């Protein structure tokens, strides 16, 4: 029985899965999955190397930080709007252990894990701050 389950799981990793189908998969925090890279491969097919470094949400959007599988270095910022389904995919301009920054023209997105917030800055406007909750790692 265990051999069949392992084979089935391996086959799933080889199949391309659309993002919408992937988002329905939920992995509990105390999951018996030993390799988080395998589990995270199912979360977002837009991430390079299929690696989700971090995932969470605000009341308005779902945010994913992608990273390089080999090094674990964060590389991209993805935000999906809950209201209209729009999304952005940006390379990170800088990061620390607790903060990720991406830029898109006059927009600056700052995800601060320590403060549990996402700040969106637009030139000549007051910054918008949204409470951020981590769903994964």
N, C-alpha and C. Protein backbone atom coordinates (compact mmCIF):
# COMPACT_ATOMS: atom_id res chain seq x y z
N UNK A 1 0.82 -1.20 0.00
CA UNK A 1 0.00 0.00 0.00
C UNK A 1 0.86 1.27 0.00
N UNK A 2 1.92 1.29 0.78
CA UNK A 2 2.79 2.46 0.82
C UNK A 2 3.48 2.70 -0.52
N UNK A 3 3.84 1.63 -1.21
CA UNK A 3 4.49 1.77 -2.51
C UNK A 3 3.56 2.42 -3.51
N UNK A 4 2.28 2.07 -3.49
CA UNK A 4 1.30 2.65 -4.40
C UNK A 4 1.12 4.14 -4.11
N UNK A 5 1.06 4.50 -2.83
CA UNK A 5 0.90 5.91 -2.47
C UNK A 5 2.11 6.72 -2.91
N UNK A 6 3.31 6.18 -2.71
CA UNK A 6 4.52 6.90 -3.10
C UNK A 6 4.57 7.08 -4.62
N UNK A 7 4.19 6.07 -5.36
CA UNK A 7 4.18 6.16 -6.81
C UNK A 7 3.17 7.18 -7.29
N UNK A 8 1.98 7.18 -6.71
CA UNK A 8 0.94 8.15 -7.06
C UNK A 8 1.41 9.57 -6.81
N UNK A 9 2.05 9.80 -5.66
CA UNK A 9 2.53 11.12 -5.30
C UNK A 9 3.60 11.58 -6.28
N UNK A 10 4.51 10.69 -6.65
CA UNK A 10 5.56 11.03 -7.60
C UNK A 10 4.96 11.40 -8.95
N UNK A 11 3.95 10.68 -9.38
CA UNK A 11 3.30 10.98 -10.66
C UNK A 11 2.66 12.37 -10.64
N UNK A 12 2.09 12.75 -9.51
CA UNK A 12 1.48 14.07 -9.42
C UNK A 12 2.51 15.18 -9.60
N UNK A 13 3.72 14.96 -9.10
CA UNK A 13 4.75 15.98 -9.23
C UNK A 13 5.14 16.20 -10.69
N UNK A 14 4.99 15.22 -11.51
CA UNK A 14 5.40 15.33 -12.90
C UNK A 14 4.33 15.98 -13.78
N UNK A 15 3.10 16.07 -13.31
CA UNK A 15 2.02 16.63 -14.10
C UNK A 15 1.95 18.14 -13.96
N UNK A 16 1.79 18.88 -15.04
CA UNK A 16 1.59 20.33 -14.90
C UNK A 16 0.19 20.58 -14.35
N UNK A 17 0.11 21.40 -13.31
CA UNK A 17 -1.16 21.66 -12.65
C UNK A 17 -1.47 23.14 -12.77
N UNK A 18 -2.65 23.52 -13.27
CA UNK A 18 -2.98 24.94 -13.35
C UNK A 18 -3.06 25.56 -11.96
N UNK A 19 -2.73 26.84 -11.87
CA UNK A 19 -2.70 27.54 -10.58
C UNK A 19 -4.03 27.44 -9.85
N UNK A 20 -5.16 27.58 -10.57
CA UNK A 20 -6.46 27.55 -9.92
C UNK A 20 -6.68 26.22 -9.20
N UNK A 21 -6.30 25.13 -9.80
CA UNK A 21 -6.47 23.82 -9.17
C UNK A 21 -5.52 23.69 -7.99
N UNK A 22 -4.33 24.24 -8.13
CA UNK A 22 -3.34 24.15 -7.08
C UNK A 22 -3.77 24.89 -5.82
N UNK A 23 -4.44 26.00 -5.99
CA UNK A 23 -4.82 26.80 -4.83
C UNK A 23 -5.82 26.10 -3.93
N UNK A 24 -6.46 25.06 -4.42
CA UNK A 24 -7.42 24.33 -3.59
C UNK A 24 -6.73 23.37 -2.64
N UNK A 25 -5.46 23.08 -2.84
CA UNK A 25 -4.72 22.16 -2.00
C UNK A 25 -4.33 22.87 -0.71
N UNK A 26 -4.59 22.25 0.42
CA UNK A 26 -4.25 22.82 1.71
C UNK A 26 -3.35 21.86 2.46
N UNK A 27 -2.25 22.34 2.99
CA UNK A 27 -1.33 21.51 3.75
C UNK A 27 -1.35 21.99 5.19
N UNK A 28 -1.83 21.14 6.12
CA UNK A 28 -1.87 21.55 7.53
C UNK A 28 -0.48 21.84 8.07
N UNK A 29 -0.39 22.69 9.08
CA UNK A 29 0.90 23.06 9.66
C UNK A 29 1.63 21.86 10.24
N UNK A 30 0.92 20.89 10.80
CA UNK A 30 1.55 19.71 11.38
C UNK A 30 1.50 18.54 10.41
N UNK A 31 1.65 18.82 9.15
CA UNK A 31 1.57 17.81 8.10
C UNK A 31 2.71 16.80 8.22
N UNK A 32 2.43 15.53 7.92
CA UNK A 32 3.49 14.53 7.94
C UNK A 32 4.42 14.61 6.73
N UNK A 33 4.16 15.55 5.82
CA UNK A 33 5.03 15.70 4.66
C UNK A 33 6.40 16.14 5.15
N UNK A 34 7.40 15.33 4.88
CA UNK A 34 8.73 15.60 5.40
C UNK A 34 9.52 16.60 4.55
N UNK A 35 9.29 16.62 3.26
CA UNK A 35 10.04 17.49 2.38
C UNK A 35 9.17 18.67 1.98
N UNK A 36 9.38 19.84 2.59
CA UNK A 36 8.52 20.99 2.31
C UNK A 36 8.64 21.45 0.86
N UNK A 37 9.76 21.19 0.19
CA UNK A 37 9.89 21.58 -1.20
C UNK A 37 8.91 20.81 -2.07
N UNK A 38 8.70 19.52 -1.77
CA UNK A 38 7.73 18.73 -2.53
C UNK A 38 6.34 19.28 -2.28
N UNK A 39 6.00 19.56 -1.05
CA UNK A 39 4.67 20.09 -0.73
C UNK A 39 4.47 21.44 -1.40
N UNK A 40 5.47 22.29 -1.37
CA UNK A 40 5.35 23.63 -1.92
C UNK A 40 5.30 23.64 -3.45
N UNK A 41 5.76 22.58 -4.08
CA UNK A 41 5.72 22.52 -5.53
C UNK A 41 4.30 22.59 -6.06
N UNK A 42 3.33 22.22 -5.25
CA UNK A 42 1.93 22.23 -5.67
C UNK A 42 1.27 23.60 -5.53
N UNK A 43 1.90 24.55 -4.89
CA UNK A 43 1.21 25.76 -4.50
C UNK A 43 1.07 26.83 -5.57
N UNK A 44 2.05 26.98 -6.42
CA UNK A 44 1.94 28.04 -7.42
C UNK A 44 2.85 27.73 -8.60
N UNK A 45 2.26 27.45 -9.74
CA UNK A 45 3.06 27.08 -10.91
C UNK A 45 3.71 28.29 -11.57
N UNK A 46 3.49 29.48 -11.06
CA UNK A 46 4.14 30.67 -11.62
C UNK A 46 5.52 30.91 -11.02
N UNK A 47 5.83 30.26 -9.90
CA UNK A 47 7.14 30.43 -9.27
C UNK A 47 8.22 29.73 -10.07
N UNK A 48 9.35 30.41 -10.29
CA UNK A 48 10.47 29.73 -10.94
C UNK A 48 10.88 28.53 -10.10
N UNK A 49 11.20 27.44 -10.74
CA UNK A 49 11.61 26.21 -10.07
C UNK A 49 10.51 25.63 -9.17
N UNK A 50 9.27 26.15 -9.29
CA UNK A 50 8.14 25.63 -8.52
C UNK A 50 8.39 25.68 -7.01
N UNK A 51 9.08 26.68 -6.51
CA UNK A 51 9.38 26.78 -5.09
C UNK A 51 8.71 28.00 -4.47
N UNK A 52 7.86 27.77 -3.50
CA UNK A 52 7.20 28.85 -2.77
C UNK A 52 7.97 29.06 -1.47
N UNK A 53 8.61 30.21 -1.36
CA UNK A 53 9.38 30.55 -0.16
C UNK A 53 8.46 30.92 1.00
N UNK A 54 7.38 31.63 0.67
CA UNK A 54 6.46 32.13 1.68
C UNK A 54 5.12 32.40 1.03
N UNK A 55 4.05 32.16 1.76
CA UNK A 55 2.71 32.47 1.23
C UNK A 55 1.84 32.96 2.39
N UNK A 56 1.02 33.95 2.09
CA UNK A 56 0.12 34.49 3.10
C UNK A 56 -0.92 35.38 2.45
N UNK A 57 -1.69 36.07 3.29
CA UNK A 57 -2.75 36.89 2.71
C UNK A 57 -3.08 38.09 3.59
N UNK A 58 -3.70 39.05 2.93
CA UNK A 58 -4.30 40.20 3.60
C UNK A 58 -5.80 40.10 3.32
N UNK A 59 -6.56 41.06 3.75
CA UNK A 59 -8.00 41.03 3.46
C UNK A 59 -8.27 41.23 1.97
N UNK A 60 -7.33 41.84 1.24
CA UNK A 60 -7.54 42.15 -0.17
C UNK A 60 -6.78 41.27 -1.16
N UNK A 61 -5.72 40.58 -0.71
CA UNK A 61 -4.90 39.84 -1.67
C UNK A 61 -4.19 38.65 -1.04
N UNK A 62 -3.79 37.73 -1.91
CA UNK A 62 -2.94 36.62 -1.52
C UNK A 62 -1.55 36.93 -2.05
N UNK A 63 -0.54 36.79 -1.21
CA UNK A 63 0.83 37.14 -1.58
C UNK A 63 1.71 35.89 -1.51
N UNK A 64 2.51 35.71 -2.54
CA UNK A 64 3.45 34.59 -2.59
C UNK A 64 4.85 35.15 -2.87
N UNK A 65 5.82 34.69 -2.10
CA UNK A 65 7.22 35.01 -2.36
C UNK A 65 7.85 33.73 -2.90
N UNK A 66 8.36 33.81 -4.12
CA UNK A 66 9.01 32.66 -4.75
C UNK A 66 10.50 32.70 -4.44
N UNK A 67 11.13 31.53 -4.52
CA UNK A 67 12.56 31.47 -4.30
C UNK A 67 13.22 30.41 -5.14
N UNK A 68 14.53 30.43 -5.15
CA UNK A 68 15.29 29.41 -5.86
C UNK A 68 15.35 28.15 -5.00
N UNK A 69 15.00 27.03 -5.59
CA UNK A 69 14.97 25.77 -4.86
C UNK A 69 16.35 25.39 -4.33
N UNK A 70 17.39 25.56 -5.15
CA UNK A 70 18.73 25.12 -4.76
C UNK A 70 19.32 25.94 -3.63
N UNK A 71 19.10 27.25 -3.65
CA UNK A 71 19.73 28.13 -2.66
C UNK A 71 18.77 28.59 -1.57
N UNK A 72 17.46 28.54 -1.83
CA UNK A 72 16.50 29.05 -0.86
C UNK A 72 16.39 30.56 -0.88
N UNK A 73 17.05 31.20 -1.83
CA UNK A 73 17.04 32.67 -1.90
C UNK A 73 15.73 33.15 -2.51
N UNK A 74 15.02 34.08 -1.84
CA UNK A 74 13.78 34.63 -2.40
C UNK A 74 14.08 35.44 -3.66
N UNK A 75 13.21 35.30 -4.68
CA UNK A 75 13.47 35.96 -5.96
C UNK A 75 12.32 36.80 -6.51
N UNK A 76 11.06 36.40 -6.26
CA UNK A 76 9.92 37.07 -6.89
C UNK A 76 8.77 37.31 -5.90
N UNK A 77 7.97 38.30 -6.24
CA UNK A 77 6.77 38.69 -5.47
C UNK A 77 5.57 38.50 -6.39
N UNK A 78 4.59 37.73 -5.92
CA UNK A 78 3.33 37.56 -6.65
C UNK A 78 2.20 37.99 -5.74
N UNK A 79 1.29 38.82 -6.25
CA UNK A 79 0.11 39.21 -5.48
C UNK A 79 -1.12 39.01 -6.35
N UNK A 80 -2.09 38.30 -5.81
CA UNK A 80 -3.37 38.06 -6.48
C UNK A 80 -4.46 38.80 -5.74
N UNK A 81 -5.19 39.65 -6.43
CA UNK A 81 -6.28 40.41 -5.83
C UNK A 81 -7.48 39.50 -5.63
N UNK A 82 -8.04 39.51 -4.43
CA UNK A 82 -9.20 38.66 -4.14
C UNK A 82 -10.47 39.17 -4.80
N UNK A 83 -10.57 40.47 -4.97
CA UNK A 83 -11.80 41.08 -5.48
C UNK A 83 -12.01 40.82 -6.98
N UNK A 84 -11.00 41.12 -7.81
CA UNK A 84 -11.20 41.01 -9.26
C UNK A 84 -10.32 39.96 -9.93
N UNK A 85 -9.49 39.25 -9.16
CA UNK A 85 -8.67 38.19 -9.73
C UNK A 85 -7.43 38.66 -10.46
N UNK A 86 -7.14 39.96 -10.43
CA UNK A 86 -5.93 40.47 -11.06
C UNK A 86 -4.69 40.02 -10.30
N UNK A 87 -3.55 40.02 -10.97
CA UNK A 87 -2.33 39.62 -10.29
C UNK A 87 -1.12 40.36 -10.85
N UNK A 88 -0.06 40.41 -10.04
CA UNK A 88 1.21 40.97 -10.48
C UNK A 88 2.31 39.97 -10.15
N UNK A 89 3.34 39.95 -10.97
CA UNK A 89 4.49 39.08 -10.80
C UNK A 89 5.72 39.96 -10.98
N UNK A 90 6.46 40.17 -9.91
CA UNK A 90 7.61 41.09 -9.95
C UNK A 90 8.85 40.46 -9.35
N UNK A 91 10.02 40.79 -9.89
CA UNK A 91 11.25 40.35 -9.21
C UNK A 91 11.42 41.17 -7.93
N UNK A 92 11.98 40.55 -6.90
CA UNK A 92 12.26 41.29 -5.67
C UNK A 92 13.41 42.26 -5.93
N UNK A 93 13.29 43.48 -5.43
CA UNK A 93 14.38 44.43 -5.57
C UNK A 93 15.33 44.35 -4.38
N UNK A 94 14.81 43.88 -3.24
CA UNK A 94 15.65 43.63 -2.06
C UNK A 94 14.89 42.75 -1.08
N UNK A 95 15.63 42.17 -0.14
CA UNK A 95 15.00 41.35 0.89
C UNK A 95 15.94 41.17 2.07
N UNK A 96 15.35 40.89 3.22
CA UNK A 96 16.07 40.46 4.42
C UNK A 96 15.34 39.22 4.91
N UNK A 97 15.69 38.73 6.09
CA UNK A 97 14.99 37.56 6.63
C UNK A 97 13.52 37.85 6.90
N UNK A 98 13.20 39.10 7.19
CA UNK A 98 11.82 39.44 7.58
C UNK A 98 11.14 40.44 6.67
N UNK A 99 11.82 40.91 5.62
CA UNK A 99 11.22 41.92 4.77
C UNK A 99 11.55 41.68 3.29
N UNK A 100 10.51 41.82 2.43
CA UNK A 100 10.65 41.61 1.00
C UNK A 100 10.14 42.85 0.29
N UNK A 101 10.91 43.37 -0.68
CA UNK A 101 10.54 44.60 -1.38
C UNK A 101 10.53 44.34 -2.89
N UNK A 102 9.42 44.75 -3.54
CA UNK A 102 9.31 44.67 -5.00
C UNK A 102 8.84 46.03 -5.51
N UNK A 103 9.30 46.39 -6.70
CA UNK A 103 8.95 47.68 -7.29
C UNK A 103 8.32 47.47 -8.66
N UNK A 104 7.32 48.32 -8.93
CA UNK A 104 6.65 48.30 -10.23
C UNK A 104 6.34 49.75 -10.60
N UNK A 105 7.24 50.38 -11.33
CA UNK A 105 7.06 51.80 -11.65
C UNK A 105 7.03 52.63 -10.38
N UNK A 106 5.94 53.36 -10.18
CA UNK A 106 5.84 54.21 -8.99
C UNK A 106 5.28 53.47 -7.77
N UNK A 107 5.00 52.17 -7.92
CA UNK A 107 4.49 51.35 -6.82
C UNK A 107 5.63 50.60 -6.14
N UNK A 108 5.63 50.60 -4.80
CA UNK A 108 6.58 49.83 -4.02
C UNK A 108 5.79 48.95 -3.06
N UNK A 109 6.06 47.65 -3.10
CA UNK A 109 5.38 46.68 -2.24
C UNK A 109 6.38 46.20 -1.19
N UNK A 110 6.05 46.40 0.08
CA UNK A 110 6.94 46.01 1.17
C UNK A 110 6.19 45.02 2.06
N UNK A 111 6.62 43.78 2.04
CA UNK A 111 6.04 42.75 2.89
C UNK A 111 6.95 42.59 4.10
N UNK A 112 6.45 42.95 5.27
CA UNK A 112 7.23 42.90 6.51
C UNK A 112 6.65 41.82 7.41
N UNK A 113 7.35 40.72 7.52
CA UNK A 113 6.89 39.58 8.31
C UNK A 113 6.92 39.91 9.79
N UNK A 114 7.95 40.62 10.24
CA UNK A 114 8.09 40.97 11.66
C UNK A 114 6.92 41.84 12.14
N UNK A 115 6.50 42.78 11.30
CA UNK A 115 5.38 43.67 11.65
C UNK A 115 4.03 43.09 11.23
N UNK A 116 4.04 41.97 10.50
CA UNK A 116 2.82 41.32 9.99
C UNK A 116 1.99 42.27 9.13
N UNK A 117 2.67 42.96 8.20
CA UNK A 117 1.90 43.83 7.30
C UNK A 117 2.51 43.91 5.91
N UNK A 118 1.65 44.28 4.98
CA UNK A 118 2.03 44.58 3.61
C UNK A 118 1.77 46.06 3.40
N UNK A 119 2.80 46.79 3.02
CA UNK A 119 2.67 48.23 2.77
C UNK A 119 2.82 48.45 1.27
N UNK A 120 1.87 49.19 0.72
CA UNK A 120 1.91 49.54 -0.70
C UNK A 120 2.10 51.05 -0.78
N UNK A 121 3.24 51.46 -1.33
CA UNK A 121 3.55 52.88 -1.46
C UNK A 121 3.40 53.29 -2.91
N UNK A 122 2.75 54.42 -3.12
CA UNK A 122 2.61 55.01 -4.44
C UNK A 122 3.10 56.44 -4.31
N UNK A 123 3.94 56.89 -5.24
CA UNK A 123 4.49 58.23 -5.13
C UNK A 123 3.38 59.27 -5.01
N UNK A 124 3.61 60.21 -4.12
CA UNK A 124 2.70 61.33 -3.83
C UNK A 124 1.36 60.90 -3.23
N UNK A 125 1.31 59.71 -2.65
CA UNK A 125 0.09 59.25 -1.97
C UNK A 125 0.47 58.67 -0.61
N UNK A 126 -0.52 58.64 0.25
CA UNK A 126 -0.32 58.04 1.56
C UNK A 126 -0.18 56.52 1.40
N UNK A 127 0.81 55.89 2.08
CA UNK A 127 0.98 54.44 1.96
C UNK A 127 -0.25 53.68 2.48
N UNK A 128 -0.58 52.59 1.81
CA UNK A 128 -1.67 51.72 2.26
C UNK A 128 -1.03 50.54 3.00
N UNK A 129 -1.48 50.31 4.23
CA UNK A 129 -0.94 49.22 5.04
C UNK A 129 -2.06 48.21 5.31
N UNK A 130 -1.77 46.93 5.00
CA UNK A 130 -2.72 45.85 5.22
C UNK A 130 -2.12 44.81 6.13
N UNK A 131 -2.92 44.32 7.07
CA UNK A 131 -2.46 43.27 7.99
C UNK A 131 -2.19 42.00 7.18
N UNK A 132 -1.05 41.35 7.43
CA UNK A 132 -0.64 40.17 6.68
C UNK A 132 -0.55 38.96 7.60
N UNK A 133 -1.12 37.86 7.16
CA UNK A 133 -1.07 36.61 7.91
C UNK A 133 -0.36 35.56 7.08
N UNK A 134 0.62 34.89 7.66
CA UNK A 134 1.38 33.85 6.96
C UNK A 134 0.57 32.56 6.94
N UNK A 135 0.44 31.98 5.74
CA UNK A 135 -0.20 30.67 5.59
C UNK A 135 0.85 29.57 5.51
N UNK A 136 1.96 29.86 4.89
CA UNK A 136 3.05 28.90 4.69
C UNK A 136 4.36 29.64 4.74
N UNK A 137 5.40 29.26 5.42
CA UNK A 137 6.01 27.96 5.26
C UNK A 137 5.43 26.99 6.15
